[in-house]
PDB file of N, CA and C in Angstrom:
ATOM      1  N   MET A   1     109.015 100.241 102.360  1.00  0.00           N
ATOM      2  CA  MET A   1     108.769 100.649 100.819  1.00  0.00           C
ATOM      3  C   MET A   1     109.859 101.222 100.677  1.00  0.00           C
ATOM      4  N   SER A   2     110.803 101.089  99.584  1.00  0.00           N
ATOM      5  CA  SER A   2     111.814 101.493  98.909  1.00  0.00           C
ATOM      6  C   SER A   2     111.374 103.019  98.056  1.00  0.00           C
ATOM      7  N   PHE A   3     112.324 103.766  98.014  1.00  0.00           N
ATOM      8  CA  PHE A   3     112.217 105.032  97.350  1.00  0.00           C
ATOM      9  C   PHE A   3     111.902 104.271  95.549  1.00  0.00           C
ATOM     10  N   LYS A   4     112.345 103.316  95.424  1.00  0.00           N
ATOM     11  CA  LYS A   4     112.146 102.921  93.916  1.00  0.00           C
ATOM     12  C   LYS A   4     110.386 102.457  94.025  1.00  0.00           C
ATOM     13  N   GLU A   5     110.202 101.757  94.861  1.00  0.00           N
ATOM     14  CA  GLU A   5     108.721 101.360  95.178  1.00  0.00           C
ATOM     15  C   GLU A   5     108.121 102.662  95.191  1.00  0.00           C
ATOM     16  N   LEU A   6     108.105 103.332  96.002  1.00  0.00           N
ATOM     17  CA  LEU A   6     107.462 104.851  96.017  1.00  0.00           C
ATOM     18  C   LEU A   6     107.251 105.319  94.603  1.00  0.00           C
ATOM     19  N   LEU A   7     108.150 105.365  93.811  1.00  0.00           N
ATOM     20  CA  LEU A   7     108.235 105.905  92.673  1.00  0.00           C
ATOM     21  C   LEU A   7     107.208 104.944  91.589  1.00  0.00           C
ATOM     22  N   ASP A   8     107.111 103.895  91.874  1.00  0.00           N
ATOM     23  CA  ASP A   8     106.151 102.759  90.958  1.00  0.00           C
ATOM     24  C   ASP A   8     104.683 103.346  91.455  1.00  0.00           C
ATOM     25  N   SER A   9     104.812 103.465  92.928  1.00  0.00           N
ATOM     26  CA  SER A   9     103.360 103.449  93.444  1.00  0.00           C
ATOM     27  C   SER A   9     102.653 104.993  92.798  1.00  0.00           C
ATOM     28  N   TRP A  10     103.796 105.989  92.840  1.00  0.00           N
ATOM     29  CA  TRP A  10     102.923 107.246  92.086  1.00  0.00           C
ATOM     30  C   TRP A  10     102.678 106.939  90.673  1.00  0.00           C
ATOM     31  N   ARG A  11     103.252 106.270  89.946  1.00  0.00           N
ATOM     32  CA  ARG A  11     102.949 105.762  88.534  1.00  0.00           C
ATOM     33  C   ARG A  11     101.528 105.540  88.456  1.00  0.00           C
ATOM     34  N   GLN A  12     101.357 104.607  89.528  1.00  0.00           N
ATOM     35  CA  GLN A  12      99.988 103.748  89.898  1.00  0.00           C
ATOM     36  C   GLN A  12      99.045 104.716  90.704  1.00  0.00           C
ATOM     37  N   SER A  13      99.176 105.351  91.349  1.00  0.00           N
ATOM     38  CA  SER A  13      98.350 105.834  92.412  1.00  0.00           C
ATOM     39  C   SER A  13      97.841 105.385  93.649  1.00  0.00           C
ATOM     40  N   ALA A  14      97.734 105.874  94.690  1.00  0.00           N
ATOM     41  CA  ALA A  14      97.025 105.348  95.907  1.00  0.00           C
ATOM     42  C   ALA A  14      97.399 106.151  97.197  1.00  0.00           C
ATOM     43  N   ALA A  15      96.564 106.351  98.189  1.00  0.00           N
ATOM     44  CA  ALA A  15      96.804 107.067  99.275  1.00  0.00           C
ATOM     45  C   ALA A  15      96.455 106.322 100.339  1.00  0.00           C
ATOM     46  N   ALA A  16      97.299 106.792 101.661  1.00  0.00           N
ATOM     47  CA  ALA A  16      97.018 106.246 102.784  1.00  0.00           C
ATOM     48  C   ALA A  16      95.996 107.310 103.514  1.00  0.00           C
ATOM     49  N   PRO A  17      95.314 106.786 104.512  1.00  0.00           N
ATOM     50  CA  PRO A  17      94.639 107.395 105.347  1.00  0.00           C
ATOM     51  C   PRO A  17      95.342 108.678 106.268  1.00  0.00           C
ATOM     52  N   ARG A  18      94.535 109.911 106.290  1.00  0.00           N
ATOM     53  CA  ARG A  18      95.620 111.089 106.577  1.00  0.00           C
ATOM     54  C   ARG A  18      94.854 111.232 108.049  1.00  0.00           C
ATOM     55  N   THR A  19      95.951 112.288 108.853  1.00  0.00           N
ATOM     56  CA  THR A  19      95.343 112.672 110.496  1.00  0.00           C
ATOM     57  C   THR A  19      94.748 114.082 110.068  1.00  0.00           C
ATOM     58  N   VAL A  20      94.149 114.531 111.202  1.00  0.00           N
ATOM     59  CA  VAL A  20      93.498 115.796 111.045  1.00  0.00           C
ATOM     60  C   VAL A  20      94.346 116.991 110.984  1.00  0.00           C
ATOM     61  N   ALA A  21      95.395 116.476 111.458  1.00  0.00           N
ATOM     62  CA  ALA A  21      96.681 117.791 112.104  1.00  0.00           C
ATOM     63  C   ALA A  21      97.220 117.984 110.640  1.00  0.00           C
ATOM     64  N   SER A  22      97.722 119.090 110.379  1.00  0.00           N
ATOM     65  CA  SER A  22      98.454 119.421 109.466  1.00  0.00           C
ATOM     66  C   SER A  22      99.997 119.892 109.848  1.00  0.00           C
ATOM     67  N   TYR A  23     100.728 119.687 109.221  1.00  0.00           N
ATOM     68  CA  TYR A  23     102.376 120.432 109.481  1.00  0.00           C
ATOM     69  C   TYR A  23     102.814 121.165 108.542  1.00  0.00           C
ATOM     70  N   ALA A  24     103.318 122.365 109.025  1.00  0.00           N
ATOM     71  CA  ALA A  24     103.926 123.384 108.108  1.00  0.00           C
ATOM     72  C   ALA A  24     105.358 123.507 108.039  1.00  0.00           C
ATOM     73  N   VAL A  25     105.961 123.325 107.240  1.00  0.00           N
ATOM     74  CA  VAL A  25     107.525 123.183 107.221  1.00  0.00           C
ATOM     75  C   VAL A  25     108.024 124.070 105.881  1.00  0.00           C
ATOM     76  N   ARG A  26     109.298 124.503 106.099  1.00  0.00           N
ATOM     77  CA  ARG A  26     109.953 125.640 105.333  1.00  0.00           C
ATOM     78  C   ARG A  26     111.097 124.569 104.751  1.00  0.00           C
ATOM     79  N   LEU A  27     111.285 124.453 103.483  1.00  0.00           N
ATOM     80  CA  LEU A  27     111.882 123.573 102.660  1.00  0.00           C
ATOM     81  C   LEU A  27     113.428 124.048 102.692  1.00  0.00           C
ATOM     82  N   ALA A  28     114.385 123.662 102.605  1.00  0.00           N
ATOM     83  CA  ALA A  28     115.772 124.271 101.985  1.00  0.00           C
ATOM     84  C   ALA A  28     115.417 124.336 100.430  1.00  0.00           C
ATOM     85  N   VAL A  29     115.987 125.467  99.749  1.00  0.00           N
ATOM     86  CA  VAL A  29     115.847 125.840  98.646  1.00  0.00           C
ATOM     87  C   VAL A  29     116.250 124.811  97.289  1.00  0.00           C
ATOM     88  N   ASP A  30     117.304 123.905  97.623  1.00  0.00           N
ATOM     89  CA  ASP A  30     117.556 122.567  96.884  1.00  0.00           C
ATOM     90  C   ASP A  30     116.325 121.544  97.188  1.00  0.00           C
ATOM     91  N   ASP A  31     115.942 121.234  98.417  1.00  0.00           N
ATOM     92  CA  ASP A  31     114.672 120.333  98.486  1.00  0.00           C
ATOM     93  C   ASP A  31     113.450 120.735  97.705  1.00  0.00           C
ATOM     94  N   ALA A  32     113.036 122.001  98.002  1.00  0.00           N
ATOM     95  CA  ALA A  32     111.895 122.740  97.154  1.00  0.00           C
ATOM     96  C   ALA A  32     112.073 122.639  95.600  1.00  0.00           C
ATOM     97  N   ALA A  33     113.313 122.646  94.858  1.00  0.00           N
ATOM     98  CA  ALA A  33     113.441 122.496  93.525  1.00  0.00           C
ATOM     99  C   ALA A  33     113.356 121.362  93.067  1.00  0.00           C
ATOM    100  N   GLN A  34     113.844 120.399  93.852  1.00  0.00           N
ATOM    101  CA  GLN A  34     113.563 118.874  93.763  1.00  0.00           C
ATOM    102  C   GLN A  34     112.113 118.310  93.615  1.00  0.00           C
ATOM    103  N   LEU A  35     111.509 119.003  94.619  1.00  0.00           N
ATOM    104  CA  LEU A  35     110.068 118.711  94.841  1.00  0.00           C
ATOM    105  C   LEU A  35     109.168 119.337  93.983  1.00  0.00           C
ATOM    106  N   ALA A  36     109.493 120.319  93.226  1.00  0.00           N
ATOM    107  CA  ALA A  36     108.844 120.837  92.270  1.00  0.00           C
ATOM    108  C   ALA A  36     109.150 120.038  91.040  1.00  0.00           C
ATOM    109  N   ALA A  37     110.480 119.576  90.769  1.00  0.00           N
ATOM    110  CA  ALA A  37     110.999 118.963  89.800  1.00  0.00           C
ATOM    111  C   ALA A  37     109.858 117.481  89.778  1.00  0.00           C
ATOM    112  N   LEU A  38     109.448 116.896  90.990  1.00  0.00           N
ATOM    113  CA  LEU A  38     108.717 115.702  90.975  1.00  0.00           C
ATOM    114  C   LEU A  38     107.274 116.174  90.699  1.00  0.00           C
ATOM    115  N   ALA A  39     106.870 117.073  90.963  1.00  0.00           N
ATOM    116  CA  ALA A  39     105.626 117.457  90.871  1.00  0.00           C
ATOM    117  C   ALA A  39     105.233 117.631  89.408  1.00  0.00           C
ATOM    118  N   GLU A  40     106.230 118.056  88.807  1.00  0.00           N
ATOM    119  CA  GLU A  40     106.067 118.194  87.145  1.00  0.00           C
ATOM    120  C   GLU A  40     106.256 117.031  86.496  1.00  0.00           C
ATOM    121  N   MET A  41     106.960 116.041  87.000  1.00  0.00           N
ATOM    122  CA  MET A  41     107.392 114.736  86.476  1.00  0.00           C
ATOM    123  C   MET A  41     105.966 113.874  86.831  1.00  0.00           C
ATOM    124  N   PHE A  42     105.166 114.040  87.925  1.00  0.00           N
ATOM    125  CA  PHE A  42     104.342 113.473  88.392  1.00  0.00           C
ATOM    126  C   PHE A  42     102.884 114.295  88.548  1.00  0.00           C
ATOM    127  N   PRO A  43     102.265 114.615  87.538  1.00  0.00           N
ATOM    128  CA  PRO A  43     101.140 115.878  87.760  1.00  0.00           C
ATOM    129  C   PRO A  43     100.177 115.677  88.251  1.00  0.00           C
ATOM    130  N   GLY A  44     100.019 114.226  88.496  1.00  0.00           N
ATOM    131  CA  GLY A  44      98.749 113.565  89.020  1.00  0.00           C
ATOM    132  C   GLY A  44      98.954 113.745  90.802  1.00  0.00           C
ATOM    133  N   ARG A  45     100.086 113.960  91.268  1.00  0.00           N
ATOM    134  CA  ARG A  45     100.389 114.188  92.654  1.00  0.00           C
ATOM    135  C   ARG A  45     100.534 115.599  92.963  1.00  0.00           C
ATOM    136  N   SER A  46      99.940 116.028  94.132  1.00  0.00           N
ATOM    137  CA  SER A  46      99.976 117.414  94.788  1.00  0.00           C
ATOM    138  C   SER A  46     101.269 117.287  95.321  1.00  0.00           C
ATOM    139  N   LEU A  47     101.708 118.625  95.924  1.00  0.00           N
ATOM    140  CA  LEU A  47     102.996 118.662  96.275  1.00  0.00           C
ATOM    141  C   LEU A  47     102.723 118.032  97.888  1.00  0.00           C
ATOM    142  N   GLU A  48     101.771 118.117  98.351  1.00  0.00           N
ATOM    143  CA  GLU A  48     101.320 117.964  99.554  1.00  0.00           C
ATOM    144  C   GLU A  48     101.550 116.088  99.649  1.00  0.00           C
ATOM    145  N   GLN A  49     100.989 115.624  98.672  1.00  0.00           N
ATOM    146  CA  GLN A  49     101.026 114.040  98.319  1.00  0.00           C
ATOM    147  C   GLN A  49     102.573 113.548  98.215  1.00  0.00           C
ATOM    148  N   LEU A  50     103.159 114.502  97.711  1.00  0.00           N
ATOM    149  CA  LEU A  50     104.756 113.922  97.421  1.00  0.00           C
ATOM    150  C   LEU A  50     105.384 114.034  98.595  1.00  0.00           C
ATOM    151  N   ILE A  51     105.178 115.322  99.359  1.00  0.00           N
ATOM    152  CA  ILE A  51     105.779 115.337 100.638  1.00  0.00           C
ATOM    153  C   ILE A  51     105.527 114.248 101.643  1.00  0.00           C
ATOM    154  N   THR A  52     104.217 114.162 101.772  1.00  0.00           N
ATOM    155  CA  THR A  52     103.680 113.045 102.678  1.00  0.00           C
ATOM    156  C   THR A  52     104.325 111.680 102.082  1.00  0.00           C
ATOM    157  N   GLU A  53     104.455 111.087 101.139  1.00  0.00           N
ATOM    158  CA  GLU A  53     104.841 109.953 100.669  1.00  0.00           C
ATOM    159  C   GLU A  53     106.313 109.911 100.886  1.00  0.00           C
ATOM    160  N   LEU A  54     106.876 110.813 100.418  1.00  0.00           N
ATOM    161  CA  LEU A  54     108.502 110.966 100.704  1.00  0.00           C
ATOM    162  C   LEU A  54     108.902 110.653 102.051  1.00  0.00           C
ATOM    163  N   LEU A  55     107.991 111.730 102.991  1.00  0.00           N
ATOM    164  CA  LEU A  55     108.369 111.356 104.473  1.00  0.00           C
ATOM    165  C   LEU A  55     107.819 109.985 104.956  1.00  0.00           C
ATOM    166  N   GLY A  56     107.036 109.578 104.660  1.00  0.00           N
ATOM    167  CA  GLY A  56     106.572 108.290 104.970  1.00  0.00           C
ATOM    168  C   GLY A  56     107.499 107.205 104.511  1.00  0.00           C
ATOM    169  N   THR A  57     108.102 107.333 103.573  1.00  0.00           N
ATOM    170  CA  THR A  57     109.405 106.251 102.998  1.00  0.00           C
ATOM    171  C   THR A  57     110.724 106.716 103.553  1.00  0.00           C
ATOM    172  N   ALA A  58     110.918 107.695 104.020  1.00  0.00           N
ATOM    173  CA  ALA A  58     112.203 108.295 105.068  1.00  0.00           C
ATOM    174  C   ALA A  58     111.945 107.540 106.088  1.00  0.00           C
ATOM    175  N   LEU A  59     110.887 107.647 106.852  1.00  0.00           N
ATOM    176  CA  LEU A  59     110.694 107.271 108.177  1.00  0.00           C
ATOM    177  C   LEU A  59     110.815 105.723 108.259  1.00  0.00           C
ATOM    178  N   LYS A  60     110.343 105.019 106.985  1.00  0.00           N
ATOM    179  CA  LYS A  60     110.155 103.608 107.465  1.00  0.00           C
ATOM    180  C   LYS A  60     111.873 103.334 107.093  1.00  0.00           C
ATOM    181  N   GLU A  61     112.609 103.479 106.310  1.00  0.00           N
ATOM    182  CA  GLU A  61     113.627 103.634 106.134  1.00  0.00           C
ATOM    183  C   GLU A  61     114.730 103.991 107.376  1.00  0.00           C
ATOM    184  N   LEU A  62     114.158 105.002 107.877  1.00  0.00           N
ATOM    185  CA  LEU A  62     115.181 105.363 109.520  1.00  0.00           C
ATOM    186  C   LEU A  62     114.605 104.402 110.262  1.00  0.00           C
ATOM    187  N   ALA A  63     113.435 103.746 110.550  1.00  0.00           N
ATOM    188  CA  ALA A  63     113.448 102.613 111.435  1.00  0.00           C
ATOM    189  C   ALA A  63     114.026 101.578 111.224  1.00  0.00           C
ATOM    190  N   ALA A  64     114.228 101.179 109.649  1.00  0.00           N
ATOM    191  CA  ALA A  64     114.874 100.129 109.588  1.00  0.00           C
ATOM    192  C   ALA A  64     116.334  99.867 109.650  1.00  0.00           C
ATOM    193  N   ALA A  65     116.780 101.367 109.662  1.00  0.00           N
ATOM    194  CA  ALA A  65     118.293 101.648 109.837  1.00  0.00           C
ATOM    195  C   ALA A  65     118.647 101.716 111.240  1.00  0.00           C
ATOM    196  N   MET A  66     117.774 101.730 112.216  1.00  0.00           N
ATOM    197  CA  MET A  66     118.056 101.691 113.668  1.00  0.00           C
ATOM    198  C   MET A  66     118.729 100.458 113.912  1.00  0.00           C
ATOM    199  N   PRO A  67     119.943 100.874 114.814  1.00  0.00           N
ATOM    200  CA  PRO A  67     120.512  99.333 115.401  1.00  0.00           C
ATOM    201  C   PRO A  67     119.992  98.697 116.170  1.00  0.00           C
ATOM    202  N   TYR A  68     120.287  97.208 115.838  1.00  0.00           N
ATOM    203  CA  TYR A  68     119.989  96.250 117.011  1.00  0.00           C
ATOM    204  C   TYR A  68     121.192  96.316 118.179  1.00  0.00           C
ATOM    205  N   VAL A  69     120.599  96.524 119.459  1.00  0.00           N
ATOM    206  CA  VAL A  69     121.503  96.553 120.322  1.00  0.00           C
ATOM    207  C   VAL A  69     121.163  95.158 121.323  1.00  0.00           C
ATOM    208  N   GLU A  70     121.979  93.954 121.405  1.00  0.00           N
ATOM    209  CA  GLU A  70     121.864  92.881 122.030  1.00  0.00           C
ATOM    210  C   GLU A  70     121.541  93.075 123.200  1.00  0.00           C
ATOM    211  N   GLY A  71     120.546  92.744 124.134  1.00  0.00           N
ATOM    212  CA  GLY A  71     120.405  92.814 125.506  1.00  0.00           C
ATOM    213  C   GLY A  71     121.188  91.514 126.206  1.00  0.00           C
ATOM    214  N   SER A  72     120.723  91.332 127.378  1.00  0.00           N
ATOM    215  CA  SER A  72     121.256  90.272 128.094  1.00  0.00           C
ATOM    216  C   SER A  72     120.336  89.203 128.449  1.00  0.00           C
ATOM    217  N   ARG A  73     118.774  89.553 128.251  1.00  0.00           N
ATOM    218  CA  ARG A  73     118.033  88.693 128.299  1.00  0.00           C
ATOM    219  C   ARG A  73     117.102  87.802 127.141  1.00  0.00           C
ATOM    220  N   ALA A  74     117.371  86.696 126.815  1.00  0.00           N
ATOM    221  CA  ALA A  74     116.995  85.729 125.935  1.00  0.00           C
ATOM    222  C   ALA A  74     115.570  85.799 126.035  1.00  0.00           C
ATOM    223  N   ILE A  75     114.940  85.918 124.590  1.00  0.00           N
ATOM    224  CA  ILE A  75     113.504  86.099 124.484  1.00  0.00           C
ATOM    225  C   ILE A  75     112.950  85.202 123.562  1.00  0.00           C
ATOM    226  N   SER A  76     113.668  84.420 122.926  1.00  0.00           N
ATOM    227  CA  SER A  76     113.124  83.097 122.226  1.00  0.00           C
ATOM    228  C   SER A  76     114.227  82.309 121.553  1.00  0.00           C
ATOM    229  N   ILE A  77     114.020  81.354 120.977  1.00  0.00           N
ATOM    230  CA  ILE A  77     114.950  80.578 120.454  1.00  0.00           C
ATOM    231  C   ILE A  77     114.857  80.398 118.825  1.00  0.00           C
ATOM    232  N   ASP A  78     115.794  80.623 118.230  1.00  0.00           N
ATOM    233  CA  ASP A  78     115.622  80.532 116.766  1.00  0.00           C
ATOM    234  C   ASP A  78     115.376  79.126 116.263  1.00  0.00           C
ATOM    235  N   GLU A  79     115.393  79.092 114.836  1.00  0.00           N
ATOM    236  CA  GLU A  79     114.922  77.649 114.113  1.00  0.00           C
ATOM    237  C   GLU A  79     116.221  76.666 114.468  1.00  0.00           C
ATOM    238  N   HIS A  80     117.440  77.290 114.963  1.00  0.00           N
ATOM    239  CA  HIS A  80     118.399  76.372 114.988  1.00  0.00           C
ATOM    240  C   HIS A  80     118.850  76.088 116.330  1.00  0.00           C
ATOM    241  N   GLY A  81     117.876  76.391 117.165  1.00  0.00           N
ATOM    242  CA  GLY A  81     117.883  76.247 118.578  1.00  0.00           C
ATOM    243  C   GLY A  81     118.976  77.357 119.673  1.00  0.00           C
ATOM    244  N   ASP A  82     119.480  78.515 118.721  1.00  0.00           N
ATOM    245  CA  ASP A  82     120.045  79.635 119.540  1.00  0.00           C
ATOM    246  C   ASP A  82     119.395  80.498 120.298  1.00  0.00           C
ATOM    247  N   PRO A  83     119.687  81.213 121.187  1.00  0.00           N
ATOM    248  CA  PRO A  83     118.726  82.079 121.785  1.00  0.00           C
ATOM    249  C   PRO A  83     118.774  83.355 121.018  1.00  0.00           C
ATOM    250  N   VAL A  84     117.714  84.280 121.107  1.00  0.00           N
ATOM    251  CA  VAL A  84     117.510  85.399 120.418  1.00  0.00           C
ATOM    252  C   VAL A  84     117.119  86.374 121.419  1.00  0.00           C
ATOM    253  N   TYR A  85     118.180  87.433 121.817  1.00  0.00           N
ATOM    254  CA  TYR A  85     118.276  88.207 122.803  1.00  0.00           C
ATOM    255  C   TYR A  85     117.537  89.766 122.440  1.00  0.00           C
ATOM    256  N   GLU A  86     116.772  90.209 123.374  1.00  0.00           N
ATOM    257  CA  GLU A  86     116.097  91.161 123.538  1.00  0.00           C
ATOM    258  C   GLU A  86     116.764  92.304 122.775  1.00  0.00           C
ATOM    259  N   ASP A  87     116.165  93.418 122.228  1.00  0.00           N
ATOM    260  CA  ASP A  87     116.834  94.564 121.532  1.00  0.00           C
ATOM    261  C   ASP A  87     116.734  95.464 122.496  1.00  0.00           C
ATOM    262  N   VAL A  88     117.668  96.024 123.136  1.00  0.00           N
ATOM    263  CA  VAL A  88     117.981  97.120 123.989  1.00  0.00           C
ATOM    264  C   VAL A  88     117.962  98.697 123.248  1.00  0.00           C
ATOM    265  N   GLY A  89     118.283  98.499 122.065  1.00  0.00           N
ATOM    266  CA  GLY A  89     118.573  99.621 121.082  1.00  0.00           C
ATOM    267  C   GLY A  89     117.331 100.765 121.041  1.00  0.00           C
ATOM    268  N   PRO A  90     117.599 101.525 120.201  1.00  0.00           N
ATOM    269  CA  PRO A  90     116.354 102.475 120.000  1.00  0.00           C
ATOM    270  C   PRO A  90     114.999 102.050 119.590  1.00  0.00           C
ATOM    271  N   THR A  91     114.969 100.969 118.906  1.00  0.00           N
ATOM    272  CA  THR A  91     114.197 100.310 117.939  1.00  0.00           C
ATOM    273  C   THR A  91     112.916 100.163 118.622  1.00  0.00           C
ATOM    274  N   PRO A  92     113.073  99.380 120.161  1.00  0.00           N
ATOM    275  CA  PRO A  92     111.611  99.024 120.605  1.00  0.00           C
ATOM    276  C   PRO A  92     110.733 100.255 121.110  1.00  0.00           C
ATOM    277  N   ARG A  93     111.574 101.364 121.686  1.00  0.00           N
ATOM    278  CA  ARG A  93     111.165 102.451 121.887  1.00  0.00           C
ATOM    279  C   ARG A  93     110.567 103.124 121.078  1.00  0.00           C
ATOM    280  N   PHE A  94     111.114 103.302 119.598  1.00  0.00           N
ATOM    281  CA  PHE A  94     110.530 103.865 118.642  1.00  0.00           C
ATOM    282  C   PHE A  94     109.325 103.305 118.605  1.00  0.00           C
ATOM    283  N   MET A  95     109.241 102.057 118.658  1.00  0.00           N
ATOM    284  CA  MET A  95     107.929 101.295 117.918  1.00  0.00           C
ATOM    285  C   MET A  95     106.824 101.467 118.896  1.00  0.00           C
ATOM    286  N   GLU A  96     107.119 101.266 120.134  1.00  0.00           N
ATOM    287  CA  GLU A  96     106.011 101.519 121.089  1.00  0.00           C
ATOM    288  C   GLU A  96     105.630 102.826 121.129  1.00  0.00           C
ATOM    289  N   LEU A  97     106.506 103.931 121.171  1.00  0.00           N
ATOM    290  CA  LEU A  97     106.288 105.305 120.908  1.00  0.00           C
ATOM    291  C   LEU A  97     105.027 105.462 120.074  1.00  0.00           C
ATOM    292  N   THR A  98     105.430 105.219 118.627  1.00  0.00           N
ATOM    293  CA  THR A  98     104.822 104.919 117.256  1.00  0.00           C
ATOM    294  C   THR A  98     103.304 104.353 117.693  1.00  0.00           C
ATOM    295  N   ARG A  99     103.531 103.347 118.482  1.00  0.00           N
ATOM    296  CA  ARG A  99     101.724 102.517 118.445  1.00  0.00           C
ATOM    297  C   ARG A  99     101.332 103.923 119.385  1.00  0.00           C
ATOM    298  N   LEU A 100     101.780 104.312 120.317  1.00  0.00           N
ATOM    299  CA  LEU A 100     100.985 105.254 121.340  1.00  0.00           C
ATOM    300  C   LEU A 100     100.478 106.576 120.615  1.00  0.00           C
ATOM    301  N   HIS A 101     101.106 106.662 120.037  1.00  0.00           N
ATOM    302  CA  HIS A 101     100.741 108.392 119.124  1.00  0.00           C
ATOM    303  C   HIS A 101      99.756 107.674 117.947  1.00  0.00           C
ATOM    304  N   ARG A 102     100.172 106.726 117.029  1.00  0.00           N
ATOM    305  CA  ARG A 102      98.914 106.294 116.203  1.00  0.00           C
ATOM    306  C   ARG A 102      97.791 106.103 116.692  1.00  0.00           C
ATOM    307  N   ARG A 103      97.575 105.494 118.025  1.00  0.00           N
ATOM    308  CA  ARG A 103      96.358 105.270 118.669  1.00  0.00           C
ATOM    309  C   ARG A 103      95.548 106.509 118.964  1.00  0.00           C
ATOM    310  N   THR A 104      96.471 107.562 119.460  1.00  0.00           N
ATOM    311  CA  THR A 104      96.064 108.831 119.895  1.00  0.00           C
ATOM    312  C   THR A 104      95.520 109.675 118.518  1.00  0.00           C
ATOM    313  N   LEU A 105      96.128 109.553 117.206  1.00  0.00           N
ATOM    314  CA  LEU A 105      95.888 110.130 116.040  1.00  0.00           C
ATOM    315  C   LEU A 105      94.572 109.622 115.432  1.00  0.00           C
ATOM    316  N   GLU A 106      94.511 108.481 115.542  1.00  0.00           N
ATOM    317  CA  GLU A 106      93.307 107.600 115.108  1.00  0.00           C
ATOM    318  C   GLU A 106      92.042 107.849 115.953  1.00  0.00           C
ATOM    319  N   ALA A 107      92.330 108.114 117.152  1.00  0.00           N
ATOM    320  CA  ALA A 107      90.992 108.645 118.002  1.00  0.00           C
ATOM    321  C   ALA A 107      90.795 110.046 117.382  1.00  0.00           C
ATOM    322  N   ARG A 108      91.380 110.819 117.072  1.00  0.00           N
ATOM    323  CA  ARG A 108      91.214 112.095 116.830  1.00  0.00           C
ATOM    324  C   ARG A 108      90.705 112.272 115.484  1.00  0.00           C
ATOM    325  N   ARG A 109      90.945 111.550 114.232  1.00  0.00           N
ATOM    326  CA  ARG A 109      90.517 111.268 113.234  1.00  0.00           C
ATOM    327  C   ARG A 109      88.943 110.668 113.203  1.00  0.00           C
ATOM    328  N   GLN A 110      88.543 109.758 114.216  1.00  0.00           N
ATOM    329  CA  GLN A 110      87.646 109.266 114.285  1.00  0.00           C
ATOM    330  C   GLN A 110      86.621 110.154 114.709  1.00  0.00           C
ATOM    331  N   ARG A 111      86.930 111.152 116.097  1.00  0.00           N
ATOM    332  CA  ARG A 111      85.911 112.052 116.058  1.00  0.00           C
ATOM    333  C   ARG A 111      86.063 113.516 115.694  1.00  0.00           C
ATOM    334  N   PRO A 112      85.009 114.061 115.450  1.00  0.00           N
ATOM    335  CA  PRO A 112      85.267 115.588 114.824  1.00  0.00           C
ATOM    336  C   PRO A 112      85.601 116.184 115.800  1.00  0.00           C
ATOM    337  N   MET A 113      86.696 117.166 115.317  1.00  0.00           N
ATOM    338  CA  MET A 113      87.001 118.243 116.505  1.00  0.00           C
ATOM    339  C   MET A 113      86.170 119.468 116.571  1.00  0.00           C
ATOM    340  N   ARG A 114      85.963 119.847 117.686  1.00  0.00           N
ATOM    341  CA  ARG A 114      85.125 120.569 118.040  1.00  0.00           C
ATOM    342  C   ARG A 114      85.664 122.282 118.189  1.00  0.00           C
ATOM    343  N   PRO A 115      85.310 123.274 117.785  1.00  0.00           N
ATOM    344  CA  PRO A 115      85.933 124.617 117.946  1.00  0.00           C
ATOM    345  C   PRO A 115      86.085 124.711 119.640  1.00  0.00           C
ATOM    346  N   LYS A 116      86.901 125.285 119.985  1.00  0.00           N
ATOM    347  CA  LYS A 116      87.112 125.599 121.268  1.00  0.00           C
ATOM    348  C   LYS A 116      86.074 126.937 121.806  1.00  0.00           C
ATOM    349  N   LYS A 117      85.212 126.727 122.739  1.00  0.00           N
ATOM    350  CA  LYS A 117      84.680 127.758 122.939  1.00  0.00           C
ATOM    351  C   LYS A 117      85.674 129.080 123.611  1.00  0.00           C
ATOM    352  N   ARG A 118      85.077 130.404 123.279  1.00  0.00           N
ATOM    353  CA  ARG A 118      85.938 131.422 123.540  1.00  0.00           C
ATOM    354  C   ARG A 118      85.358 131.919 124.929  1.00  0.00           C
ATOM    355  N   ARG A 119      86.505 132.227 125.857  1.00  0.00           N
ATOM    356  CA  ARG A 119      85.713 133.126 126.991  1.00  0.00           C
ATOM    357  C   ARG A 119      85.617 134.762 126.755  1.00  0.00           C
ATOM    358  N   PRO A 120      84.885 135.122 127.329  1.00  0.00           N
ATOM    359  CA  PRO A 120      84.654 136.589 127.083  1.00  0.00           C
ATOM    360  C   PRO A 120      85.760 137.407 127.831  1.00  0.00           C
ATOM    361  N   ARG A 121      85.877 138.355 126.939  1.00  0.00           N
ATOM    362  CA  ARG A 121      87.034 139.311 127.547  1.00  0.00           C
ATOM    363  C   ARG A 121      86.653 139.938 128.524  1.00  0.00           C
ATOM    364  N   ARG A 122      87.637 140.286 129.369  1.00  0.00           N
ATOM    365  CA  ARG A 122      87.357 140.709 130.677  1.00  0.00           C
ATOM    366  C   ARG A 122      87.555 142.447 130.318  1.00  0.00           C
ATOM    367  N   ALA A 123      86.851 143.280 130.881  1.00  0.00           N
ATOM    368  CA  ALA A 123      87.069 144.710 130.586  1.00  0.00           C
ATOM    369  C   ALA A 123      88.491 145.033 131.000  1.00  0.00           C
ATOM    370  N   SER A 124      89.492 145.857 130.323  1.00  0.00           N
ATOM    371  CA  SER A 124      90.585 146.275 130.859  1.00  0.00           C
ATOM    372  C   SER A 124      90.210 147.552 131.887  1.00  0.00           C
ATOM    373  N   ARG A 125      90.937 147.582 133.049  1.00  0.00           N
ATOM    374  CA  ARG A 125      90.486 148.542 134.474  1.00  0.00           C
ATOM    375  C   ARG A 125      91.735 149.867 133.800  1.00  0.00           C
TER     376      ARG A 125
END
């Protein structure tokens, strides 16, 4: 999704599933000002929604910008009969780690978090 498509979706609305975890960040003043401007321009979106959707779009663009680094092993043949070589750049590792973390986050979302049991304090001597 490009930033243009993101703006279009804000005009039409939609939200993806969310994690149970929350993330606290401190923004640069200019970024916070731009975020406030977007919140005023799109009053149907909360600041949290705007941040979430902007971050999602930025991460997709980041993944797309990762360089393909041709390895030495051919993994398939393209439609012209030429070999397609494995990608030994950062993309495969990023994608595999993303899948791993997604499974973990989805599992947490599906089972309710239990409060941790507190241990009784020992009396100080």
